[in-house]
Amino acid sequence: MNCGGYGQCGTCIVEIVEGMENLSPLTEVEKRKLKNKPDNYRLACQTLVNGPVTVKTKP
């Protein structure tokens, strides 16, 4: 499934290993979709990267 970057399907969930400080704040879509996930999980389609970040895909 793919939602075209609207944050609805969840197939782009990634675990942030390093660099959380280099990411944009959580969007409202992410807050709803990730409410039962660890704090270091993000939706790649909703996240702006502003510096070095290490991620784990398909956590």
PDB file of N, CA and C in Angstrom:
ATOM      1  N   MET A   1       0.852  -1.171   0.000  1.00  0.00           N
ATOM      2  CA  MET A   1       0.000   0.000   0.000  1.00  0.00           C
ATOM      3  C   MET A   1       0.900   1.237   0.000  1.00  0.00           C
ATOM      4  N   ASN A   2       0.456   2.270  -0.659  1.00  0.00           N
ATOM      5  CA  ASN A   2       1.203   3.517  -0.689  1.00  0.00           C
ATOM      6  C   ASN A   2       0.209   4.662  -0.755  1.00  0.00           C
ATOM      7  N   CYS A   3       0.370   5.637   0.122  1.00  0.00           N
ATOM      8  CA  CYS A   3      -0.592   6.741   0.215  1.00  0.00           C
ATOM      9  C   CYS A   3      -0.139   7.984  -0.538  1.00  0.00           C
ATOM     10  N   GLY A   4       0.979   7.912  -1.238  1.00  0.00           N
ATOM     11  CA  GLY A   4       1.445   9.063  -2.000  1.00  0.00           C
ATOM     12  C   GLY A   4       2.043  10.170  -1.152  1.00  0.00           C
ATOM     13  N   GLY A   5       2.511   9.840   0.045  1.00  0.00           N
ATOM     14  CA  GLY A   5       3.161  10.834   0.896  1.00  0.00           C
ATOM     15  C   GLY A   5       2.238  11.577   1.840  1.00  0.00           C
ATOM     16  N   TYR A   6       1.020  11.088   2.018  1.00  0.00           N
ATOM     17  CA  TYR A   6       0.061  11.759   2.899  1.00  0.00           C
ATOM     18  C   TYR A   6       0.073  11.239   4.332  1.00  0.00           C
ATOM     19  N   GLY A   7       0.926  10.253   4.629  1.00  0.00           N
ATOM     20  CA  GLY A   7       1.058   9.757   5.994  1.00  0.00           C
ATOM     21  C   GLY A   7      -0.057   8.846   6.450  1.00  0.00           C
ATOM     22  N   GLN A   8      -0.798   8.273   5.546  1.00  0.00           N
ATOM     23  CA  GLN A   8      -1.945   7.453   5.910  1.00  0.00           C
ATOM     24  C   GLN A   8      -1.660   5.960   5.992  1.00  0.00           C
ATOM     25  N   CYS A   9      -0.739   5.452   5.176  1.00  0.00           N
ATOM     26  CA  CYS A   9      -0.557   3.997   5.100  1.00  0.00           C
ATOM     27  C   CYS A   9       0.449   3.449   6.116  1.00  0.00           C
ATOM     28  N   GLY A  10       1.443   4.239   6.495  1.00  0.00           N
ATOM     29  CA  GLY A  10       2.429   3.787   7.471  1.00  0.00           C
ATOM     30  C   GLY A  10       3.540   2.922   6.921  1.00  0.00           C
ATOM     31  N   THR A  11       3.608   2.731   5.611  1.00  0.00           N
ATOM     32  CA  THR A  11       4.656   1.876   5.051  1.00  0.00           C
ATOM     33  C   THR A  11       6.039   2.514   5.114  1.00  0.00           C
ATOM     34  N   CYS A  12       6.124   3.795   5.396  1.00  0.00           N
ATOM     35  CA  CYS A  12       7.424   4.480   5.440  1.00  0.00           C
ATOM     36  C   CYS A  12       7.901   4.734   6.872  1.00  0.00           C
ATOM     37  N   ILE A  13       7.357   4.018   7.850  1.00  0.00           N
ATOM     38  CA  ILE A  13       7.815   4.191   9.233  1.00  0.00           C
ATOM     39  C   ILE A  13       9.286   3.797   9.321  1.00  0.00           C
ATOM     40  N   VAL A  14      10.078   4.672   9.929  1.00  0.00           N
ATOM     41  CA  VAL A  14      11.496   4.402  10.154  1.00  0.00           C
ATOM     42  C   VAL A  14      11.824   4.649  11.615  1.00  0.00           C
ATOM     43  N   GLU A  15      12.871   3.985  12.087  1.00  0.00           N
ATOM     44  CA  GLU A  15      13.390   4.202  13.438  1.00  0.00           C
ATOM     45  C   GLU A  15      14.594   5.120  13.318  1.00  0.00           C
ATOM     46  N   ILE A  16      14.588   6.213  14.057  1.00  0.00           N
ATOM     47  CA  ILE A  16      15.704   7.150  14.040  1.00  0.00           C
ATOM     48  C   ILE A  16      16.741   6.651  15.043  1.00  0.00           C
ATOM     49  N   VAL A  17      17.918   6.303  14.550  1.00  0.00           N
ATOM     50  CA  VAL A  17      18.995   5.788  15.392  1.00  0.00           C
ATOM     51  C   VAL A  17      19.822   6.945  15.946  1.00  0.00           C
ATOM     52  N   GLU A  18      20.120   7.919  15.099  1.00  0.00           N
ATOM     53  CA  GLU A  18      20.879   9.110  15.497  1.00  0.00           C
ATOM     54  C   GLU A  18      20.347  10.314  14.745  1.00  0.00           C
ATOM     55  N   GLY A  19      20.430  11.481  15.374  1.00  0.00           N
ATOM     56  CA  GLY A  19      20.122  12.723  14.689  1.00  0.00           C
ATOM     57  C   GLY A  19      18.708  13.248  14.850  1.00  0.00           C
ATOM     58  N   MET A  20      17.995  12.835  15.892  1.00  0.00           N
ATOM     59  CA  MET A  20      16.632  13.336  16.112  1.00  0.00           C
ATOM     60  C   MET A  20      16.582  14.862  16.106  1.00  0.00           C
ATOM     61  N   GLU A  21      17.658  15.480  16.571  1.00  0.00           N
ATOM     62  CA  GLU A  21      17.695  16.945  16.647  1.00  0.00           C
ATOM     63  C   GLU A  21      17.727  17.597  15.264  1.00  0.00           C
ATOM     64  N   ASN A  22      17.990  16.818  14.246  1.00  0.00           N
ATOM     65  CA  ASN A  22      18.063  17.338  12.875  1.00  0.00           C
ATOM     66  C   ASN A  22      16.774  17.123  12.081  1.00  0.00           C
ATOM     67  N   LEU A  23      15.691  16.778  12.773  1.00  0.00           N
ATOM     68  CA  LEU A  23      14.420  16.518  12.105  1.00  0.00           C
ATOM     69  C   LEU A  23      13.392  17.595  12.438  1.00  0.00           C
ATOM     70  N   SER A  24      12.467  17.787  11.521  1.00  0.00           N
ATOM     71  CA  SER A  24      11.357  18.706  11.760  1.00  0.00           C
ATOM     72  C   SER A  24      10.492  18.168  12.901  1.00  0.00           C
ATOM     73  N   PRO A  25       9.708  19.045  13.538  1.00  0.00           N
ATOM     74  CA  PRO A  25       8.787  18.573  14.579  1.00  0.00           C
ATOM     75  C   PRO A  25       7.768  17.590  13.997  1.00  0.00           C
ATOM     76  N   LEU A  26       7.223  16.743  14.862  1.00  0.00           N
ATOM     77  CA  LEU A  26       6.183  15.805  14.434  1.00  0.00           C
ATOM     78  C   LEU A  26       4.995  16.557  13.846  1.00  0.00           C
ATOM     79  N   THR A  27       4.472  16.053  12.751  1.00  0.00           N
ATOM     80  CA  THR A  27       3.246  16.620  12.186  1.00  0.00           C
ATOM     81  C   THR A  27       2.050  16.045  12.947  1.00  0.00           C
ATOM     82  N   GLU A  28       0.891  16.652  12.785  1.00  0.00           N
ATOM     83  CA  GLU A  28      -0.324  16.121  13.412  1.00  0.00           C
ATOM     84  C   GLU A  28      -0.626  14.716  12.894  1.00  0.00           C
ATOM     85  N   VAL A  29      -0.369  14.484  11.621  1.00  0.00           N
ATOM     86  CA  VAL A  29      -0.569  13.150  11.029  1.00  0.00           C
ATOM     87  C   VAL A  29       0.321  12.136  11.738  1.00  0.00           C
ATOM     88  N   GLU A  30       1.595  12.484  11.958  1.00  0.00           N
ATOM     89  CA  GLU A  30       2.517  11.574  12.645  1.00  0.00           C
ATOM     90  C   GLU A  30       2.071  11.317  14.077  1.00  0.00           C
ATOM     91  N   LYS A  31       1.635  12.351  14.763  1.00  0.00           N
ATOM     92  CA  LYS A  31       1.190  12.182  16.153  1.00  0.00           C
ATOM     93  C   LYS A  31       0.069  11.156  16.235  1.00  0.00           C
ATOM     94  N   ARG A  32      -0.858  11.208  15.300  1.00  0.00           N
ATOM     95  CA  ARG A  32      -1.964  10.239  15.294  1.00  0.00           C
ATOM     96  C   ARG A  32      -1.491   8.848  14.890  1.00  0.00           C
ATOM     97  N   LYS A  33      -0.694   8.767  13.833  1.00  0.00           N
ATOM     98  CA  LYS A  33      -0.276   7.468  13.285  1.00  0.00           C
ATOM     99  C   LYS A  33       0.715   6.743  14.196  1.00  0.00           C
ATOM    100  N   LEU A  34       1.528   7.494  14.928  1.00  0.00           N
ATOM    101  CA  LEU A  34       2.607   6.898  15.722  1.00  0.00           C
ATOM    102  C   LEU A  34       2.333   6.905  17.224  1.00  0.00           C
ATOM    103  N   LYS A  35       1.092   7.152  17.636  1.00  0.00           N
ATOM    104  CA  LYS A  35       0.812   7.326  19.064  1.00  0.00           C
ATOM    105  C   LYS A  35       1.172   6.112  19.917  1.00  0.00           C
ATOM    106  N   ASN A  36       1.183   4.919  19.360  1.00  0.00           N
ATOM    107  CA  ASN A  36       1.534   3.714  20.119  1.00  0.00           C
ATOM    108  C   ASN A  36       2.920   3.183  19.781  1.00  0.00           C
ATOM    109  N   LYS A  37       3.727   4.004  19.129  1.00  0.00           N
ATOM    110  CA  LYS A  37       5.083   3.610  18.722  1.00  0.00           C
ATOM    111  C   LYS A  37       6.107   4.335  19.599  1.00  0.00           C
ATOM    112  N   PRO A  38       7.346   3.843  19.635  1.00  0.00           N
ATOM    113  CA  PRO A  38       8.403   4.530  20.388  1.00  0.00           C
ATOM    114  C   PRO A  38       8.619   5.957  19.877  1.00  0.00           C
ATOM    115  N   ASP A  39       9.142   6.818  20.736  1.00  0.00           N
ATOM    116  CA  ASP A  39       9.353   8.230  20.405  1.00  0.00           C
ATOM    117  C   ASP A  39      10.324   8.449  19.251  1.00  0.00           C
ATOM    118  N   ASN A  40      11.173   7.467  18.967  1.00  0.00           N
ATOM    119  CA  ASN A  40      12.157   7.648  17.895  1.00  0.00           C
ATOM    120  C   ASN A  40      11.674   7.080  16.552  1.00  0.00           C
ATOM    121  N   TYR A  41      10.394   6.811  16.409  1.00  0.00           N
ATOM    122  CA  TYR A  41       9.817   6.391  15.132  1.00  0.00           C
ATOM    123  C   TYR A  41       9.230   7.607  14.429  1.00  0.00           C
ATOM    124  N   ARG A  42       9.424   7.665  13.113  1.00  0.00           N
ATOM    125  CA  ARG A  42       8.884   8.765  12.306  1.00  0.00           C
ATOM    126  C   ARG A  42       8.334   8.217  10.998  1.00  0.00           C
ATOM    127  N   LEU A  43       7.491   8.998  10.369  1.00  0.00           N
ATOM    128  CA  LEU A  43       7.037   8.698   9.012  1.00  0.00           C
ATOM    129  C   LEU A  43       7.961   9.448   8.068  1.00  0.00           C
ATOM    130  N   ALA A  44       8.680   8.716   7.238  1.00  0.00           N
ATOM    131  CA  ALA A  44       9.651   9.347   6.343  1.00  0.00           C
ATOM    132  C   ALA A  44       8.983  10.358   5.411  1.00  0.00           C
ATOM    133  N   CYS A  45       7.767  10.091   5.001  1.00  0.00           N
ATOM    134  CA  CYS A  45       7.084  10.991   4.061  1.00  0.00           C
ATOM    135  C   CYS A  45       6.663  12.307   4.694  1.00  0.00           C
ATOM    136  N   GLN A  46       6.667  12.382   6.014  1.00  0.00           N
ATOM    137  CA  GLN A  46       6.213  13.581   6.709  1.00  0.00           C
ATOM    138  C   GLN A  46       7.354  14.345   7.372  1.00  0.00           C
ATOM    139  N   THR A  47       8.570  13.813   7.302  1.00  0.00           N
ATOM    140  CA  THR A  47       9.697  14.349   8.056  1.00  0.00           C
ATOM    141  C   THR A  47      10.663  15.107   7.163  1.00  0.00           C
ATOM    142  N   LEU A  48      10.999  16.325   7.566  1.00  0.00           N
ATOM    143  CA  LEU A  48      12.029  17.096   6.876  1.00  0.00           C
ATOM    144  C   LEU A  48      13.347  16.900   7.607  1.00  0.00           C
ATOM    145  N   VAL A  49      14.398  16.611   6.868  1.00  0.00           N
ATOM    146  CA  VAL A  49      15.722  16.364   7.432  1.00  0.00           C
ATOM    147  C   VAL A  49      16.574  17.607   7.232  1.00  0.00           C
ATOM    148  N   ASN A  50      17.156  18.112   8.331  1.00  0.00           N
ATOM    149  CA  ASN A  50      17.939  19.343   8.302  1.00  0.00           C
ATOM    150  C   ASN A  50      19.406  19.132   8.642  1.00  0.00           C
ATOM    151  N   GLY A  51      19.860  17.878   8.664  1.00  0.00           N
ATOM    152  CA  GLY A  51      21.242  17.562   9.000  1.00  0.00           C
ATOM    153  C   GLY A  51      21.422  16.058   9.007  1.00  0.00           C
ATOM    154  N   PRO A  52      22.579  15.589   9.489  1.00  0.00           N
ATOM    155  CA  PRO A  52      22.865  14.150   9.483  1.00  0.00           C
ATOM    156  C   PRO A  52      21.880  13.353  10.344  1.00  0.00           C
ATOM    157  N   VAL A  53      21.396  12.258   9.787  1.00  0.00           N
ATOM    158  CA  VAL A  53      20.456  11.377  10.479  1.00  0.00           C
ATOM    159  C   VAL A  53      20.767   9.943  10.068  1.00  0.00           C
ATOM    160  N   THR A  54      20.716   9.025  11.032  1.00  0.00           N
ATOM    161  CA  THR A  54      20.849   7.598  10.754  1.00  0.00           C
ATOM    162  C   THR A  54      19.510   6.948  11.060  1.00  0.00           C
ATOM    163  N   VAL A  55      18.978   6.183  10.098  1.00  0.00           N
ATOM    164  CA  VAL A  55      17.687   5.537  10.282  1.00  0.00           C
ATOM    165  C   VAL A  55      17.791   4.036  10.059  1.00  0.00           C
ATOM    166  N   LYS A  56      16.852   3.327  10.663  1.00  0.00           N
ATOM    167  CA  LYS A  56      16.679   1.895  10.408  1.00  0.00           C
ATOM    168  C   LYS A  56      15.324   1.753   9.725  1.00  0.00           C
ATOM    169  N   THR A  57      15.320   1.150   8.542  1.00  0.00           N
ATOM    170  CA  THR A  57      14.064   0.966   7.828  1.00  0.00           C
ATOM    171  C   THR A  57      13.386  -0.320   8.269  1.00  0.00           C
ATOM    172  N   LYS A  58      12.102  -0.359   8.138  1.00  0.00           N
ATOM    173  CA  LYS A  58      11.273  -1.509   8.516  1.00  0.00           C
ATOM    174  C   LYS A  58      11.587  -1.998   9.925  1.00  0.00           C
ATOM    175  N   PRO A  59      11.438  -1.093  10.904  1.00  0.00           N
ATOM    176  CA  PRO A  59      11.761  -1.476  12.296  1.00  0.00           C
ATOM    177  C   PRO A  59      10.821  -2.534  12.847  1.00  0.00           C
TER     178      PRO A  59
END
